[in-house]
């Protein structure tokens, strides 16, 4: 029976993964280590607290003594904990270097000492940098542009070096842009949805021609579990979907689902170092581990928008413009609290 340590498990992707683990019969224990920074919330874990196999520890991956004690009681690690917002990294890269690089070192160092059976390090497609054409395989060179991507690329190398030097069974996953319920409203989909359903305008950088691949969080979690169970130590696995959209195309879809029109969109100058296009091939995980995304983008987007409509009390306090009382809602849809 597996004893799983999940870092960053109160965040968006991590909390979905924890719930997935707790649905498995062969998991004896799931422990979440999370610092509960601005993007981590125990509410994301919901009913996990009712499961006797689950425990929560508030703390940072930089706390070597805490990590060492936790590592001794577990057999596998899935490492989600990270600073992940590009705009924040442009303003202050220090926390990204500390958490994403030094924190990863603390974890793999302890994992090596305690003989962890599997260590999955969760990373991003942004480490490959922008591509004008073509798609990156797992063997592509790392060419990160922004401080966030640079820190994740460095963390990848830290984790993989522990496999090459000490034989720690490390796998690295690199995922494209995730979306889904309960994502912190600084990312483009929840940011636009929360503004549109409250009658606010949204802002589109440049001409909106930046291309991103969109992956539902549940498909990403399914892929990460495949790597956890069957990934070859020392290997990297790209995880993506068949949905590539420009930001303008994405905005058009969001306007449609939210019942708004292009009058709600304001164009602003492009962000500093805003990479024009990311793209990865994910044949490897499909061929070797049987990964296949299940959620269509249309279905996933509709379900995501519906979650934000029904869970106003979860996201409104997190937005900078949230008022003391619920604002007048537009688009003809009432927002009703619904715990999940």
Protein backbone atom coordinates (compact mmCIF):
# COMPACT_ATOMS: atom_id res chain seq x y z
CA UNK A 1 0.00 0.00 0.00
CA UNK A 2 1.35 3.39 -1.01
CA UNK A 3 2.01 6.27 1.36
CA UNK A 4 1.94 9.47 -0.69
CA UNK A 5 3.42 12.87 0.14
CA UNK A 6 1.97 15.63 -2.06
CA UNK A 7 3.64 19.03 -1.87
CA UNK A 8 1.51 22.03 -2.82
CA UNK A 9 -1.58 19.87 -2.40
CA UNK A 10 -3.81 22.77 -1.36
CA UNK A 11 -3.22 24.55 -4.66
CA UNK A 12 -5.24 24.26 -7.84
CA UNK A 13 -3.72 21.21 -9.54
CA UNK A 14 -2.43 19.62 -6.35
CA UNK A 15 -5.83 19.54 -4.68
CA UNK A 16 -7.44 17.89 -7.71
CA UNK A 17 -4.67 15.30 -7.66
CA UNK A 18 -5.12 14.60 -3.95
CA UNK A 19 -8.83 13.92 -4.48
CA UNK A 20 -7.92 11.57 -7.31
CA UNK A 21 -5.45 9.67 -5.11
CA UNK A 22 -8.05 9.23 -2.39
CA UNK A 23 -10.32 7.48 -4.89
CA UNK A 24 -7.68 4.75 -5.34
CA UNK A 25 -7.86 1.55 -3.33
CA UNK A 26 -4.11 0.97 -3.12
CA UNK A 27 -3.34 4.23 -1.29
CA UNK A 28 -2.92 3.84 2.46
CA UNK A 29 -1.95 7.41 3.28
CA UNK A 30 -1.97 10.84 1.62
CA UNK A 31 -0.20 13.73 3.31
CA UNK A 32 -0.33 17.26 1.93
CA UNK A 33 2.50 19.68 2.68
CA UNK A 34 1.50 23.22 1.76
CA UNK A 35 2.68 26.64 2.88
CA UNK A 36 -0.79 28.13 2.25
CA UNK A 37 0.56 31.14 0.41
CA UNK A 38 -1.91 33.35 -1.45
CA UNK A 39 -2.83 30.64 -4.00
CA UNK A 40 -3.16 27.70 -1.60
CA UNK A 41 -6.38 27.17 0.35
CA UNK A 42 -7.58 24.28 2.50
CA UNK A 43 -11.06 24.81 1.02
CA UNK A 44 -9.68 23.39 -2.24
CA UNK A 45 -9.29 20.02 -0.53
CA UNK A 46 -12.95 19.87 0.46
CA UNK A 47 -14.05 16.39 1.54
CA UNK A 48 -10.46 15.07 1.64
CA UNK A 49 -10.44 16.07 5.31
CA UNK A 50 -13.16 13.49 5.96
CA UNK A 51 -10.98 10.62 4.74
CA UNK A 52 -9.05 8.91 7.57
CA UNK A 53 -6.13 8.30 5.20
CA UNK A 54 -5.62 12.03 4.70
CA UNK A 55 -3.55 14.46 6.73
CA UNK A 56 -2.52 18.07 6.22
CA UNK A 57 0.70 19.76 7.29
CA UNK A 58 1.19 23.49 6.92
CA UNK A 59 4.79 24.25 6.11
CA UNK A 60 7.26 25.07 3.37
CA UNK A 61 9.40 22.79 1.23
CA UNK A 62 12.33 24.94 2.33
CA UNK A 63 12.03 23.61 5.90
CA UNK A 64 14.60 20.80 5.74
CA UNK A 65 13.81 19.36 9.18
CA UNK A 66 10.08 19.24 8.50
CA UNK A 67 10.61 17.70 5.06
CA UNK A 68 13.00 15.11 6.47
CA UNK A 69 10.49 13.98 9.07
CA UNK A 70 7.69 13.71 6.54
CA UNK A 71 9.81 11.89 3.97
CA UNK A 72 10.62 9.14 6.48
CA UNK A 73 6.94 8.24 6.73
CA UNK A 74 6.14 7.99 3.00
CA UNK A 75 6.96 5.81 0.00
CA UNK A 76 6.35 8.23 -2.89
CA UNK A 77 6.30 11.98 -3.55
CA UNK A 78 4.44 14.13 -6.08
CA UNK A 79 5.92 17.61 -6.05
CA UNK A 80 3.50 20.37 -7.10
CA UNK A 81 4.66 23.12 -4.72
CA UNK A 82 5.81 26.10 -6.77
CA UNK A 83 5.57 29.79 -7.34
CA UNK A 84 3.90 29.83 -10.73
CA UNK A 85 2.59 33.22 -11.85
CA UNK A 86 4.67 34.82 -14.61
CA UNK A 87 3.69 38.42 -13.84
CA UNK A 88 4.76 38.03 -10.21
CA UNK A 89 8.09 36.57 -11.28
CA UNK A 90 8.77 39.63 -13.43
CA UNK A 91 8.32 41.84 -10.38
CA UNK A 92 10.30 39.70 -7.93
CA UNK A 93 12.07 36.53 -8.95
CA UNK A 94 13.50 35.74 -5.51
CA UNK A 95 10.60 33.63 -4.18
CA UNK A 96 10.58 31.65 -7.44
CA UNK A 97 14.25 30.74 -7.08
CA UNK A 98 13.83 29.80 -3.43
CA UNK A 99 10.73 27.63 -3.78
CA UNK A 100 11.18 26.19 -7.26
CA UNK A 101 14.93 25.50 -7.10
CA UNK A 102 16.07 25.33 -3.48
CA UNK A 103 12.80 23.77 -2.34
CA UNK A 104 13.15 21.04 -4.95
CA UNK A 105 16.69 20.38 -3.74
CA UNK A 106 15.50 20.02 -0.14
CA UNK A 107 12.89 17.49 -1.25
CA UNK A 108 15.07 15.30 -3.49
CA UNK A 109 17.87 15.34 -0.93
CA UNK A 110 15.53 14.01 1.76
CA UNK A 111 13.91 11.56 -0.68
CA UNK A 112 17.33 10.10 -1.48
CA UNK A 113 18.21 9.67 2.20
CA UNK A 114 14.95 7.88 2.97
CA UNK A 115 14.82 5.62 -0.07
CA UNK A 116 11.66 7.02 -1.65
CA UNK A 117 10.32 4.59 -4.27
CA UNK A 118 9.05 7.22 -6.74
CA UNK A 119 9.43 10.99 -7.01
CA UNK A 120 7.34 12.86 -9.59
CA UNK A 121 8.43 16.44 -10.21
CA UNK A 122 5.66 18.50 -11.85
CA UNK A 123 6.90 21.13 -14.31
CA UNK A 124 5.70 23.23 -17.24
CA UNK A 125 5.91 23.59 -21.02
CA UNK A 126 7.34 27.08 -20.50
CA UNK A 127 10.81 25.61 -19.83
CA UNK A 128 11.14 25.00 -23.60
CA UNK A 129 10.62 28.68 -24.32
CA UNK A 130 8.75 30.13 -27.30
CA UNK A 131 8.52 28.31 -30.61
CA UNK A 132 7.55 30.10 -33.80
CA UNK A 133 6.77 26.76 -35.41
CA UNK A 134 7.03 23.07 -34.61
CA UNK A 135 6.65 21.42 -31.22
CA UNK A 136 9.09 20.47 -28.47
CA UNK A 137 9.82 16.86 -27.64
CA UNK A 138 11.17 15.82 -24.26
CA UNK A 139 14.69 15.99 -25.73
CA UNK A 140 14.36 19.64 -26.81
CA UNK A 141 16.80 22.13 -25.24
CA UNK A 142 15.59 24.25 -22.34
CA UNK A 143 15.28 27.90 -23.36
CA UNK A 144 13.16 29.61 -20.70
CA UNK A 145 12.42 33.29 -21.12
CA UNK A 146 10.85 34.61 -17.91
CA UNK A 147 12.08 34.15 -14.31
CA UNK A 148 9.25 31.71 -13.52
CA UNK A 149 10.16 29.42 -16.42
CA UNK A 150 13.86 29.71 -15.63
CA UNK A 151 13.28 28.65 -12.04
CA UNK A 152 11.19 25.66 -13.14
CA UNK A 153 13.83 24.59 -15.65
CA UNK A 154 16.45 24.78 -12.91
CA UNK A 155 14.21 22.73 -10.60
CA UNK A 156 13.84 20.10 -13.33
CA UNK A 157 17.62 19.81 -13.56
CA UNK A 158 17.97 19.55 -9.78
CA UNK A 159 15.49 16.67 -9.67
CA UNK A 160 16.96 14.82 -12.66
CA UNK A 161 20.50 15.21 -11.34
CA UNK A 162 19.50 13.30 -8.23
CA UNK A 163 18.47 10.40 -10.47
CA UNK A 164 21.69 10.50 -12.44
CA UNK A 165 23.94 10.85 -9.39
CA UNK A 166 22.16 8.79 -6.73
CA UNK A 167 19.61 6.71 -8.61
CA UNK A 168 16.60 8.38 -6.99
CA UNK A 169 13.63 7.22 -9.13
CA UNK A 170 12.64 10.66 -10.42
CA UNK A 171 10.23 11.40 -13.27
CA UNK A 172 9.50 14.89 -14.58
CA UNK A 173 6.18 15.92 -16.10
CA UNK A 174 5.82 19.06 -18.20
CA UNK A 175 2.24 20.20 -18.63
CA UNK A 176 0.65 22.83 -20.83
CA UNK A 177 -1.78 25.49 -19.50
CA UNK A 178 -4.19 23.93 -17.02
CA UNK A 179 -7.74 25.13 -16.44
CA UNK A 180 -10.73 23.93 -14.45
CA UNK A 181 -12.74 24.51 -11.26
CA UNK A 182 -11.18 26.33 -8.30
CA UNK A 183 -8.21 27.85 -10.11
CA UNK A 184 -6.87 30.97 -8.44
CA UNK A 185 -8.29 34.00 -10.32
CA UNK A 186 -5.01 35.44 -11.56
CA UNK A 187 -4.74 33.03 -14.52
CA UNK A 188 -6.46 34.10 -17.72
CA UNK A 189 -9.50 31.78 -17.71
CA UNK A 190 -10.65 32.33 -14.12
CA UNK A 191 -9.63 36.00 -14.30
CA UNK A 192 -11.77 36.61 -17.37
CA UNK A 193 -14.69 34.52 -16.10
CA UNK A 194 -14.85 36.20 -12.70
CA UNK A 195 -14.78 39.61 -14.34
CA UNK A 196 -17.31 38.80 -17.04
CA UNK A 197 -19.89 37.28 -14.69
CA UNK A 198 -19.77 40.42 -12.54
CA UNK A 199 -20.09 42.78 -15.50
CA UNK A 200 -16.47 43.97 -15.59
CA UNK A 201 -14.27 44.38 -18.63
CA UNK A 202 -11.36 42.11 -19.46
CA UNK A 203 -8.01 43.13 -20.93
CA UNK A 204 -6.27 41.42 -23.83
CA UNK A 205 -2.53 41.84 -24.28
CA UNK A 206 -1.33 43.09 -27.65
CA UNK A 207 -3.42 41.76 -30.52
CA UNK A 208 -4.27 38.54 -28.66
CA UNK A 209 -2.24 36.34 -31.02
CA UNK A 210 -0.29 34.48 -28.31
CA UNK A 211 -0.87 30.73 -28.66
CA UNK A 212 -1.33 28.38 -25.73
CA UNK A 213 -2.33 24.74 -25.37
CA UNK A 214 -5.21 24.12 -22.96
CA UNK A 215 -5.35 21.05 -20.72
CA UNK A 216 -8.16 20.28 -18.29
CA UNK A 217 -6.83 19.79 -14.77
CA UNK A 218 -8.43 16.33 -14.49
CA UNK A 219 -6.66 15.16 -17.64
CA UNK A 220 -3.38 16.48 -16.28
CA UNK A 221 -3.92 14.68 -12.97
CA UNK A 222 -4.74 11.44 -14.79
CA UNK A 223 -1.50 11.77 -16.77
CA UNK A 224 0.56 12.51 -13.66
CA UNK A 225 -0.90 9.42 -11.99
CA UNK A 226 0.13 7.34 -15.01
CA UNK A 227 3.68 8.65 -14.59
CA UNK A 228 3.55 7.96 -10.85
CA UNK A 229 2.49 4.35 -11.46
CA UNK A 230 4.42 3.48 -14.60
CA UNK A 231 6.84 6.23 -15.55
CA UNK A 232 10.42 5.16 -16.15
CA UNK A 233 12.85 6.73 -13.63
CA UNK A 234 14.96 9.45 -15.17
CA UNK A 235 12.44 10.13 -17.93
CA UNK A 236 10.53 13.32 -18.83
CA UNK A 237 6.91 13.23 -20.00
CA UNK A 238 5.17 16.08 -21.84
CA UNK A 239 1.44 16.37 -21.06
CA UNK A 240 -0.85 18.39 -23.33
CA UNK A 241 -4.07 18.21 -25.33
CA UNK A 242 -5.24 18.81 -28.89
CA UNK A 243 -6.56 22.31 -28.04
CA UNK A 244 -4.31 25.15 -29.22
CA UNK A 245 -5.88 28.62 -29.15
CA UNK A 246 -4.74 32.19 -29.53
CA UNK A 247 -5.70 34.35 -26.58
CA UNK A 248 -8.12 36.16 -28.86
CA UNK A 249 -9.80 32.86 -29.81
CA UNK A 250 -9.97 31.91 -26.13
CA UNK A 251 -11.48 35.28 -25.28
CA UNK A 252 -14.16 34.81 -27.93
CA UNK A 253 -15.12 31.44 -26.45
CA UNK A 254 -15.25 32.88 -22.92
CA UNK A 255 -17.43 35.76 -24.07
CA UNK A 256 -19.82 33.27 -25.64
CA UNK A 257 -20.07 31.00 -22.60
CA UNK A 258 -20.50 33.98 -20.27
CA UNK A 259 -23.07 35.70 -22.50
CA UNK A 260 -20.97 38.82 -23.10
CA UNK A 261 -19.74 40.49 -26.29
CA UNK A 262 -16.56 42.16 -27.53
CA UNK A 263 -17.56 45.47 -25.94
CA UNK A 264 -16.35 43.85 -22.70
CA UNK A 265 -12.79 43.58 -24.05
CA UNK A 266 -10.11 46.26 -23.76
CA UNK A 267 -6.79 45.91 -25.58
CA UNK A 268 -3.65 46.83 -23.64
CA UNK A 269 0.05 46.90 -24.57
CA UNK A 270 1.70 43.50 -24.56
CA UNK A 271 3.31 42.25 -21.37
CA UNK A 272 7.08 42.22 -21.05
CA UNK A 273 8.67 39.01 -22.44
CA UNK A 274 5.29 37.56 -23.38
CA UNK A 275 6.25 34.44 -25.35
CA UNK A 276 4.27 34.22 -28.58
CA UNK A 277 3.76 30.46 -28.72
CA UNK A 278 4.30 27.30 -26.69
CA UNK A 279 3.89 23.86 -28.20
CA UNK A 280 4.86 20.32 -27.14
CA UNK A 281 4.52 16.86 -28.60
CA UNK A 282 3.00 14.37 -26.14
CA UNK A 283 3.36 11.18 -28.18
CA UNK A 284 5.70 9.66 -25.59
CA UNK A 285 3.22 9.50 -22.71
CA UNK A 286 0.46 8.43 -25.09
CA UNK A 287 2.49 5.60 -26.62
CA UNK A 288 4.27 4.39 -23.50
CA UNK A 289 1.69 4.93 -20.76
CA UNK A 290 -1.62 5.09 -22.64
CA UNK A 291 -2.43 8.72 -21.88
CA UNK A 292 -5.35 10.27 -23.72
CA UNK A 293 -7.12 13.49 -22.72
CA UNK A 294 -10.81 12.78 -22.04
CA UNK A 295 -12.36 16.21 -21.50
CA UNK A 296 -13.28 18.21 -24.59
CA UNK A 297 -12.43 21.89 -24.30
CA UNK A 298 -16.04 22.93 -24.90
CA UNK A 299 -17.31 20.71 -22.09
CA UNK A 300 -14.46 21.58 -19.74
CA UNK A 301 -14.86 25.31 -20.30
CA UNK A 302 -18.63 25.21 -19.75
CA UNK A 303 -18.20 23.25 -16.52
CA UNK A 304 -15.48 25.62 -15.34
CA UNK A 305 -17.60 28.72 -15.94
CA UNK A 306 -20.50 27.06 -14.14
CA UNK A 307 -18.28 26.38 -11.12
CA UNK A 308 -17.37 30.07 -10.84
CA UNK A 309 -21.01 31.05 -11.21
CA UNK A 310 -22.00 28.75 -8.35
CA UNK A 311 -19.07 29.35 -6.03
CA UNK A 312 -18.93 33.12 -5.70
CA UNK A 313 -18.06 32.88 -2.01
CA UNK A 314 -14.93 30.87 -2.85
CA UNK A 315 -13.35 33.24 -5.36
CA UNK A 316 -14.72 36.72 -4.64
CA UNK A 317 -12.59 37.28 -1.51
CA UNK A 318 -9.51 36.48 -3.59
CA UNK A 319 -10.04 39.17 -6.20
CA UNK A 320 -8.72 42.65 -5.60
CA UNK A 321 -12.03 44.25 -6.50
CA UNK A 322 -14.22 42.11 -4.25
CA UNK A 323 -16.69 44.20 -2.28
CA UNK A 324 -17.99 43.75 1.22
CA UNK A 325 -21.30 42.70 -0.24
CA UNK A 326 -22.11 40.71 -3.33
CA UNK A 327 -22.19 43.04 -6.37
CA UNK A 328 -25.01 43.20 -8.85
CA UNK A 329 -24.56 40.28 -11.21
CA UNK A 330 -25.10 40.49 -14.91
CA UNK A 331 -25.60 37.98 -17.69
CA UNK A 332 -28.81 36.69 -16.17
CA UNK A 333 -27.25 34.02 -13.97
CA UNK A 334 -27.51 33.95 -10.20
CA UNK A 335 -24.39 32.96 -8.33
CA UNK A 336 -25.19 30.53 -5.56
CA UNK A 337 -22.68 29.17 -3.07
CA UNK A 338 -21.98 25.50 -3.65
CA UNK A 339 -19.30 23.67 -1.72
CA UNK A 340 -17.34 21.05 -3.60
